[in-house]
């Protein structure tokens, strides 16, 4: 298993572009979210040796600009890409996918995307008082399951618990991505971090909308098992980290 961090608000080197939102690439062919804008995403892909022509699937966590911003240029360059969305996404989003001629796949349940790669299916969430459906990406590794989240609007613990139910006989090894804790009270974040430990999550990597306070608290709780997610990071199946040069 190989996971590349293509877009985030922090980078390992100056040659990488940063911005709001996230994008990760799993095994060279399955992209999870596309950041806020196409230009920085495509630049980072070029710097990391990722060709648009090699992408077969794009999974969108939720229908927000900072997770779909780079999608349309990706689809223009590769009409063979399958896009995985939640049934509750806006009709405008769905119509736009279809206007590009790409295949749109919607699922309310866990669904296999590729070998050892799954989506949770739609999980009900809320943002600013409005319904916000979201899904997470799951990668099966030799160490256990790795969960990638976009913003975790349904609640990061709720997402993990759903994965536990869906894959009841498997260990959740690592969780990373946006946890949407940047406006949360310090005490609540501490409770959530300890709940991660109770669940048995071995490694953690909050980024994007998780907030600096959450990063600090999770790092304190997880110590050497805390991963600082930045553009240019590559995670291999043994969860060793490499900087690209």
C-alpha atoms as a PDB file:
ATOM      1  CA  UNK A   1       0.000   0.000   0.000  1.00  0.00           C
ATOM      2  CA  UNK A   2       1.274   3.452  -0.928  1.00  0.00           C
ATOM      3  CA  UNK A   3      -0.396   6.744  -0.005  1.00  0.00           C
ATOM      4  CA  UNK A   4       0.819  10.132  -1.238  1.00  0.00           C
ATOM      5  CA  UNK A   5      -0.213  13.459   0.281  1.00  0.00           C
ATOM      6  CA  UNK A   6      -0.894  15.640  -2.779  1.00  0.00           C
ATOM      7  CA  UNK A   7      -2.527  18.675  -1.176  1.00  0.00           C
ATOM      8  CA  UNK A   8      -2.807  20.282   2.263  1.00  0.00           C
ATOM      9  CA  UNK A   9      -2.044  23.531   4.071  1.00  0.00           C
ATOM     10  CA  UNK A  10       1.525  22.447   4.907  1.00  0.00           C
ATOM     11  CA  UNK A  11       4.314  20.981   2.775  1.00  0.00           C
ATOM     12  CA  UNK A  12       7.619  19.233   3.311  1.00  0.00           C
ATOM     13  CA  UNK A  13       9.448  21.363   0.751  1.00  0.00           C
ATOM     14  CA  UNK A  14       9.038  24.781  -0.862  1.00  0.00           C
ATOM     15  CA  UNK A  15       8.595  23.286  -4.319  1.00  0.00           C
ATOM     16  CA  UNK A  16       5.148  22.037  -3.271  1.00  0.00           C
ATOM     17  CA  UNK A  17       2.074  24.278  -3.362  1.00  0.00           C
ATOM     18  CA  UNK A  18      -0.220  24.538  -0.358  1.00  0.00           C
ATOM     19  CA  UNK A  19      -3.785  25.699   0.227  1.00  0.00           C
ATOM     20  CA  UNK A  20      -7.053  24.817   1.915  1.00  0.00           C
ATOM     21  CA  UNK A  21      -8.399  21.304   1.544  1.00  0.00           C
ATOM     22  CA  UNK A  22      -6.795  17.900   1.140  1.00  0.00           C
ATOM     23  CA  UNK A  23      -5.961  15.361  -1.533  1.00  0.00           C
ATOM     24  CA  UNK A  24      -4.427  11.922  -1.124  1.00  0.00           C
ATOM     25  CA  UNK A  25      -3.506   9.290  -3.715  1.00  0.00           C
ATOM     26  CA  UNK A  26      -3.693   5.588  -2.906  1.00  0.00           C
ATOM     27  CA  UNK A  27      -1.677   3.051  -4.901  1.00  0.00           C
ATOM     28  CA  UNK A  28      -1.186   5.503  -7.750  1.00  0.00           C
ATOM     29  CA  UNK A  29      -4.718   5.172  -9.083  1.00  0.00           C
ATOM     30  CA  UNK A  30      -7.321   6.190  -6.481  1.00  0.00           C
ATOM     31  CA  UNK A  31      -7.523   9.850  -5.471  1.00  0.00           C
ATOM     32  CA  UNK A  32      -9.335  11.003  -2.339  1.00  0.00           C
ATOM     33  CA  UNK A  33     -10.491  14.632  -2.621  1.00  0.00           C
ATOM     34  CA  UNK A  34      -8.916  17.272  -4.850  1.00  0.00           C
ATOM     35  CA  UNK A  35      -8.168  20.352  -2.721  1.00  0.00           C
ATOM     36  CA  UNK A  36      -9.374  23.889  -3.375  1.00  0.00           C
ATOM     37  CA  UNK A  37      -7.835  24.670  -6.782  1.00  0.00           C
ATOM     38  CA  UNK A  38      -6.578  22.716  -9.797  1.00  0.00           C
ATOM     39  CA  UNK A  39      -3.295  24.561 -10.435  1.00  0.00           C
ATOM     40  CA  UNK A  40      -1.525  23.789  -7.131  1.00  0.00           C
ATOM     41  CA  UNK A  41      -2.851  20.237  -7.122  1.00  0.00           C
ATOM     42  CA  UNK A  42      -1.568  19.555 -10.638  1.00  0.00           C
ATOM     43  CA  UNK A  43       1.777  21.175  -9.807  1.00  0.00           C
ATOM     44  CA  UNK A  44       2.184  18.926  -6.760  1.00  0.00           C
ATOM     45  CA  UNK A  45       1.218  15.883  -8.792  1.00  0.00           C
ATOM     46  CA  UNK A  46       3.889  16.728 -11.356  1.00  0.00           C
ATOM     47  CA  UNK A  47       6.502  17.208  -8.636  1.00  0.00           C
ATOM     48  CA  UNK A  48       5.568  13.840  -7.132  1.00  0.00           C
ATOM     49  CA  UNK A  49       5.572  11.971 -10.435  1.00  0.00           C
ATOM     50  CA  UNK A  50       1.813  11.436 -10.549  1.00  0.00           C
ATOM     51  CA  UNK A  51       0.216  11.375 -13.996  1.00  0.00           C
ATOM     52  CA  UNK A  52      -3.484  12.203 -14.405  1.00  0.00           C
ATOM     53  CA  UNK A  53      -3.666   9.466 -17.034  1.00  0.00           C
ATOM     54  CA  UNK A  54      -2.912   6.857 -14.355  1.00  0.00           C
ATOM     55  CA  UNK A  55      -5.832   7.807 -12.113  1.00  0.00           C
ATOM     56  CA  UNK A  56      -8.793   5.449 -12.347  1.00  0.00           C
ATOM     57  CA  UNK A  57     -10.942   6.579  -9.413  1.00  0.00           C
ATOM     58  CA  UNK A  58     -11.654   9.815  -7.588  1.00  0.00           C
ATOM     59  CA  UNK A  59     -13.492   9.594  -4.265  1.00  0.00           C
ATOM     60  CA  UNK A  60     -15.015  12.852  -3.019  1.00  0.00           C
ATOM     61  CA  UNK A  61     -15.570  12.981   0.735  1.00  0.00           C
ATOM     62  CA  UNK A  62     -18.194  15.728   0.630  1.00  0.00           C
ATOM     63  CA  UNK A  63     -19.527  18.396  -1.683  1.00  0.00           C
ATOM     64  CA  UNK A  64     -17.500  21.410  -0.512  1.00  0.00           C
ATOM     65  CA  UNK A  65     -15.319  23.693  -2.686  1.00  0.00           C
ATOM     66  CA  UNK A  66     -12.119  22.881  -0.795  1.00  0.00           C
ATOM     67  CA  UNK A  67     -12.500  19.184  -1.589  1.00  0.00           C
ATOM     68  CA  UNK A  68     -13.805  19.415  -5.160  1.00  0.00           C
ATOM     69  CA  UNK A  69     -11.818  22.401  -6.470  1.00  0.00           C
ATOM     70  CA  UNK A  70      -9.290  20.410  -8.478  1.00  0.00           C
ATOM     71  CA  UNK A  71     -11.764  17.779  -9.672  1.00  0.00           C
ATOM     72  CA  UNK A  72     -12.934  19.392 -12.887  1.00  0.00           C
ATOM     73  CA  UNK A  73      -9.479  19.818 -14.437  1.00  0.00           C
ATOM     74  CA  UNK A  74      -8.672  16.225 -13.500  1.00  0.00           C
ATOM     75  CA  UNK A  75     -11.817  15.025 -15.270  1.00  0.00           C
ATOM     76  CA  UNK A  76     -11.085  17.169 -18.334  1.00  0.00           C
ATOM     77  CA  UNK A  77      -7.729  15.461 -18.658  1.00  0.00           C
ATOM     78  CA  UNK A  78      -9.033  11.935 -18.035  1.00  0.00           C
ATOM     79  CA  UNK A  79     -12.616  11.087 -19.077  1.00  0.00           C
ATOM     80  CA  UNK A  80     -12.139   7.462 -17.998  1.00  0.00           C
ATOM     81  CA  UNK A  81     -12.069   8.325 -14.294  1.00  0.00           C
ATOM     82  CA  UNK A  82     -14.883   6.980 -12.113  1.00  0.00           C
ATOM     83  CA  UNK A  83     -16.147   9.460  -9.512  1.00  0.00           C
ATOM     84  CA  UNK A  84     -17.466   8.110  -6.198  1.00  0.00           C
ATOM     85  CA  UNK A  85     -19.978  10.365  -4.450  1.00  0.00           C
ATOM     86  CA  UNK A  86     -22.645  10.243  -1.753  1.00  0.00           C
ATOM     87  CA  UNK A  87     -26.300  10.032  -2.835  1.00  0.00           C
ATOM     88  CA  UNK A  88     -26.961  13.180  -0.786  1.00  0.00           C
ATOM     89  CA  UNK A  89     -24.555  15.375  -2.792  1.00  0.00           C
ATOM     90  CA  UNK A  90     -26.130  18.294  -4.644  1.00  0.00           C
ATOM     91  CA  UNK A  91     -27.792  17.711  -7.978  1.00  0.00           C
ATOM     92  CA  UNK A  92     -25.540  20.390  -9.469  1.00  0.00           C
ATOM     93  CA  UNK A  93     -22.486  18.338  -8.510  1.00  0.00           C
ATOM     94  CA  UNK A  94     -23.944  15.177 -10.024  1.00  0.00           C
ATOM     95  CA  UNK A  95     -25.042  16.920 -13.219  1.00  0.00           C
ATOM     96  CA  UNK A  96     -21.602  18.466 -13.666  1.00  0.00           C
ATOM     97  CA  UNK A  97     -19.913  15.065 -13.364  1.00  0.00           C
ATOM     98  CA  UNK A  98     -22.231  13.677 -16.008  1.00  0.00           C
ATOM     99  CA  UNK A  99     -21.630  16.679 -18.276  1.00  0.00           C
ATOM    100  CA  UNK A 100     -17.960  15.712 -18.399  1.00  0.00           C
ATOM    101  CA  UNK A 101     -18.921  12.200 -19.488  1.00  0.00           C
ATOM    102  CA  UNK A 102     -17.316  10.513 -16.478  1.00  0.00           C
ATOM    103  CA  UNK A 103     -19.007   7.651 -14.669  1.00  0.00           C
ATOM    104  CA  UNK A 104     -20.683   8.670 -11.395  1.00  0.00           C
ATOM    105  CA  UNK A 105     -21.030   6.029  -8.675  1.00  0.00           C
ATOM    106  CA  UNK A 106     -23.162   6.799  -5.611  1.00  0.00           C
ATOM    107  CA  UNK A 107     -23.336   4.582  -2.549  1.00  0.00           C
ATOM    108  CA  UNK A 108     -25.018   4.758   0.832  1.00  0.00           C
ATOM    109  CA  UNK A 109     -23.153   1.638   1.964  1.00  0.00           C
ATOM    110  CA  UNK A 110     -19.608   0.340   2.110  1.00  0.00           C
ATOM    111  CA  UNK A 111     -18.348  -0.300  -1.394  1.00  0.00           C
ATOM    112  CA  UNK A 112     -15.154  -1.765  -2.834  1.00  0.00           C
ATOM    113  CA  UNK A 113     -13.411   0.706  -5.126  1.00  0.00           C
ATOM    114  CA  UNK A 114     -10.340  -1.361  -5.938  1.00  0.00           C
ATOM    115  CA  UNK A 115      -8.289  -4.146  -4.402  1.00  0.00           C
ATOM    116  CA  UNK A 116      -8.023  -3.364  -0.673  1.00  0.00           C
ATOM    117  CA  UNK A 117      -9.603   0.086  -1.132  1.00  0.00           C
ATOM    118  CA  UNK A 118     -13.164   0.866   0.052  1.00  0.00           C
ATOM    119  CA  UNK A 119     -15.504   3.750   0.745  1.00  0.00           C
ATOM    120  CA  UNK A 120     -17.696   3.857   3.841  1.00  0.00           C
ATOM    121  CA  UNK A 121     -20.683   5.044   1.842  1.00  0.00           C
ATOM    122  CA  UNK A 122     -22.730   8.037   2.917  1.00  0.00           C
ATOM    123  CA  UNK A 123     -22.665   9.038   6.594  1.00  0.00           C
ATOM    124  CA  UNK A 124     -25.105  11.785   7.643  1.00  0.00           C
ATOM    125  CA  UNK A 125     -23.427  14.932   8.941  1.00  0.00           C
ATOM    126  CA  UNK A 126     -24.118  18.603   9.537  1.00  0.00           C
ATOM    127  CA  UNK A 127     -22.395  21.870   8.667  1.00  0.00           C
ATOM    128  CA  UNK A 128     -23.641  25.278   9.805  1.00  0.00           C
ATOM    129  CA  UNK A 129     -27.073  23.817  10.527  1.00  0.00           C
ATOM    130  CA  UNK A 130     -27.412  22.202   7.107  1.00  0.00           C
ATOM    131  CA  UNK A 131     -27.349  18.523   6.147  1.00  0.00           C
ATOM    132  CA  UNK A 132     -23.855  17.493   5.039  1.00  0.00           C
ATOM    133  CA  UNK A 133     -23.412  13.900   3.872  1.00  0.00           C
ATOM    134  CA  UNK A 134     -19.847  12.617   3.880  1.00  0.00           C
ATOM    135  CA  UNK A 135     -17.852   9.459   3.230  1.00  0.00           C
ATOM    136  CA  UNK A 136     -14.374   8.289   4.186  1.00  0.00           C
ATOM    137  CA  UNK A 137     -11.847   6.161   2.320  1.00  0.00           C
ATOM    138  CA  UNK A 138     -10.537   2.911   3.797  1.00  0.00           C
ATOM    139  CA  UNK A 139      -7.325   1.153   2.786  1.00  0.00           C
ATOM    140  CA  UNK A 140      -6.554  -2.356   3.974  1.00  0.00           C
ATOM    141  CA  UNK A 141      -2.870  -2.796   4.843  1.00  0.00           C
ATOM    142  CA  UNK A 142      -0.818  -5.566   6.444  1.00  0.00           C
ATOM    143  CA  UNK A 143      -0.920  -3.591   9.728  1.00  0.00           C
ATOM    144  CA  UNK A 144      -4.672  -3.020   9.673  1.00  0.00           C
ATOM    145  CA  UNK A 145      -7.147  -0.529   8.243  1.00  0.00           C
ATOM    146  CA  UNK A 146      -6.146   3.022   7.359  1.00  0.00           C
ATOM    147  CA  UNK A 147      -8.997   5.561   7.365  1.00  0.00           C
ATOM    148  CA  UNK A 148      -8.749   8.842   5.407  1.00  0.00           C
ATOM    149  CA  UNK A 149     -11.215  11.628   6.187  1.00  0.00           C
ATOM    150  CA  UNK A 150     -12.012  14.858   4.357  1.00  0.00           C
ATOM    151  CA  UNK A 151     -13.610  16.990   7.093  1.00  0.00           C
ATOM    152  CA  UNK A 152     -15.403  14.486   9.348  1.00  0.00           C
ATOM    153  CA  UNK A 153     -18.610  16.540   9.520  1.00  0.00           C
ATOM    154  CA  UNK A 154     -20.514  13.505  10.872  1.00  0.00           C
ATOM    155  CA  UNK A 155     -17.977  13.398  13.733  1.00  0.00           C
ATOM    156  CA  UNK A 156     -14.600  11.697  13.589  1.00  0.00           C
ATOM    157  CA  UNK A 157     -15.504   9.152  16.276  1.00  0.00           C
ATOM    158  CA  UNK A 158     -18.776   8.344  14.493  1.00  0.00           C
ATOM    159  CA  UNK A 159     -16.841   7.675  11.273  1.00  0.00           C
ATOM    160  CA  UNK A 160     -14.400   5.368  13.048  1.00  0.00           C
ATOM    161  CA  UNK A 161     -17.236   3.522  14.759  1.00  0.00           C
ATOM    162  CA  UNK A 162     -18.986   2.980  11.436  1.00  0.00           C
ATOM    163  CA  UNK A 163     -15.804   1.487   9.993  1.00  0.00           C
ATOM    164  CA  UNK A 164     -15.557  -0.741  13.077  1.00  0.00           C
ATOM    165  CA  UNK A 165     -19.050  -2.055  12.339  1.00  0.00           C
ATOM    166  CA  UNK A 166     -18.339  -2.508   8.641  1.00  0.00           C
ATOM    167  CA  UNK A 167     -15.036  -4.330   9.216  1.00  0.00           C
ATOM    168  CA  UNK A 168     -15.741  -5.926  12.585  1.00  0.00           C
ATOM    169  CA  UNK A 169     -12.909  -8.456  12.473  1.00  0.00           C
ATOM    170  CA  UNK A 170     -10.171  -6.027  11.464  1.00  0.00           C
ATOM    171  CA  UNK A 171      -7.948  -3.656  13.399  1.00  0.00           C
ATOM    172  CA  UNK A 172      -8.053   0.085  12.720  1.00  0.00           C
ATOM    173  CA  UNK A 173      -4.372   0.948  12.480  1.00  0.00           C
ATOM    174  CA  UNK A 174      -4.306   4.586  11.424  1.00  0.00           C
ATOM    175  CA  UNK A 175      -6.675   7.533  10.948  1.00  0.00           C
ATOM    176  CA  UNK A 176      -5.655  10.747   9.203  1.00  0.00           C
ATOM    177  CA  UNK A 177      -7.129  13.726   7.365  1.00  0.00           C
ATOM    178  CA  UNK A 178      -9.506  16.476   8.444  1.00  0.00           C
ATOM    179  CA  UNK A 179     -11.127  15.910  11.852  1.00  0.00           C
ATOM    180  CA  UNK A 180     -12.997  19.263  11.933  1.00  0.00           C
ATOM    181  CA  UNK A 181     -11.959  20.133  15.481  1.00  0.00           C
ATOM    182  CA  UNK A 182     -10.539  23.632  14.917  1.00  0.00           C
ATOM    183  CA  UNK A 183     -13.438  25.343  16.705  1.00  0.00           C
ATOM    184  CA  UNK A 184     -13.785  22.775  19.483  1.00  0.00           C
ATOM    185  CA  UNK A 185     -12.993  23.195  23.153  1.00  0.00           C
ATOM    186  CA  UNK A 186      -9.613  21.882  24.327  1.00  0.00           C
ATOM    187  CA  UNK A 187     -11.224  19.501  26.810  1.00  0.00           C
ATOM    188  CA  UNK A 188     -13.459  17.968  24.152  1.00  0.00           C
ATOM    189  CA  UNK A 189     -10.474  17.420  21.860  1.00  0.00           C
ATOM    190  CA  UNK A 190      -8.642  15.682  24.711  1.00  0.00           C
ATOM    191  CA  UNK A 191     -11.638  13.384  25.221  1.00  0.00           C
ATOM    192  CA  UNK A 192     -11.719  12.565  21.503  1.00  0.00           C
ATOM    193  CA  UNK A 193      -7.964  11.835  21.448  1.00  0.00           C
ATOM    194  CA  UNK A 194      -8.329   9.471  24.404  1.00  0.00           C
ATOM    195  CA  UNK A 195     -11.285   7.796  22.684  1.00  0.00           C
ATOM    196  CA  UNK A 196      -8.986   7.086  19.714  1.00  0.00           C
ATOM    197  CA  UNK A 197      -6.715   5.260  22.145  1.00  0.00           C
ATOM    198  CA  UNK A 198      -9.599   3.290  23.642  1.00  0.00           C
ATOM    199  CA  UNK A 199     -10.712   2.214  20.185  1.00  0.00           C
ATOM    200  CA  UNK A 200      -7.180   0.995  19.524  1.00  0.00           C
ATOM    201  CA  UNK A 201      -6.089   3.380  16.763  1.00  0.00           C
ATOM    202  CA  UNK A 202      -2.306   2.957  16.606  1.00  0.00           C
ATOM    203  CA  UNK A 203      -1.272   5.990  14.536  1.00  0.00           C
ATOM    204  CA  UNK A 204      -2.960   9.318  13.913  1.00  0.00           C
ATOM    205  CA  UNK A 205      -2.502  12.272  11.562  1.00  0.00           C
ATOM    206  CA  UNK A 206      -4.944  15.181  12.002  1.00  0.00           C
ATOM    207  CA  UNK A 207      -4.573  17.917   9.384  1.00  0.00           C
ATOM    208  CA  UNK A 208      -6.612  20.426   7.331  1.00  0.00           C
ATOM    209  CA  UNK A 209      -9.644  21.477   9.447  1.00  0.00           C
ATOM    210  CA  UNK A 210      -8.459  19.629  12.551  1.00  0.00           C
ATOM    211  CA  UNK A 211      -6.821  22.781  13.873  1.00  0.00           C
ATOM    212  CA  UNK A 212      -3.492  23.480  15.561  1.00  0.00           C
ATOM    213  CA  UNK A 213      -4.872  22.751  19.026  1.00  0.00           C
ATOM    214  CA  UNK A 214      -6.029  19.304  17.931  1.00  0.00           C
ATOM    215  CA  UNK A 215      -2.646  18.624  16.328  1.00  0.00           C
ATOM    216  CA  UNK A 216      -0.951  19.598  19.594  1.00  0.00           C
ATOM    217  CA  UNK A 217      -3.228  17.448  21.752  1.00  0.00           C
ATOM    218  CA  UNK A 218      -3.039  14.397  19.502  1.00  0.00           C
ATOM    219  CA  UNK A 219       0.750  14.734  19.308  1.00  0.00           C
ATOM    220  CA  UNK A 220       0.920  14.849  23.104  1.00  0.00           C
ATOM    221  CA  UNK A 221      -1.294  11.766  23.372  1.00  0.00           C
ATOM    222  CA  UNK A 222       0.315   9.760  20.558  1.00  0.00           C
ATOM    223  CA  UNK A 223       3.963  10.888  20.779  1.00  0.00           C
ATOM    224  CA  UNK A 224       5.976   8.891  18.207  1.00  0.00           C
ATOM    225  CA  UNK A 225       2.784   7.494  16.679  1.00  0.00           C
ATOM    226  CA  UNK A 226       1.675  10.986  15.624  1.00  0.00           C
ATOM    227  CA  UNK A 227       2.187  11.739  11.932  1.00  0.00           C
ATOM    228  CA  UNK A 228       2.491  15.286  10.631  1.00  0.00           C
ATOM    229  CA  UNK A 229       0.608  15.170   7.331  1.00  0.00           C
ATOM    230  CA  UNK A 230       2.174  17.474   4.732  1.00  0.00           C
ATOM    231  CA  UNK A 231       2.323  17.680   0.954  1.00  0.00           C
ATOM    232  CA  UNK A 232       5.136  15.473  -0.310  1.00  0.00           C
ATOM    233  CA  UNK A 233       4.683  12.808   2.343  1.00  0.00           C
ATOM    234  CA  UNK A 234       4.586   9.201   1.194  1.00  0.00           C
ATOM    235  CA  UNK A 235       3.242   6.451   3.441  1.00  0.00           C
ATOM    236  CA  UNK A 236       4.180   2.907   2.512  1.00  0.00           C
ATOM    237  CA  UNK A 237       2.556  -0.319   3.642  1.00  0.00           C
ATOM    238  CA  UNK A 238       4.911  -0.585   6.609  1.00  0.00           C
ATOM    239  CA  UNK A 239       3.966   3.017   7.426  1.00  0.00           C
ATOM    240  CA  UNK A 240       7.472   4.345   6.983  1.00  0.00           C
ATOM    241  CA  UNK A 241       7.675   7.971   5.931  1.00  0.00           C
ATOM    242  CA  UNK A 242       9.766   9.291   3.068  1.00  0.00           C
ATOM    243  CA  UNK A 243      10.466  12.818   1.862  1.00  0.00           C
ATOM    244  CA  UNK A 244      10.483  13.196  -1.903  1.00  0.00           C
ATOM    245  CA  UNK A 245      13.439  14.985  -3.489  1.00  0.00           C
END
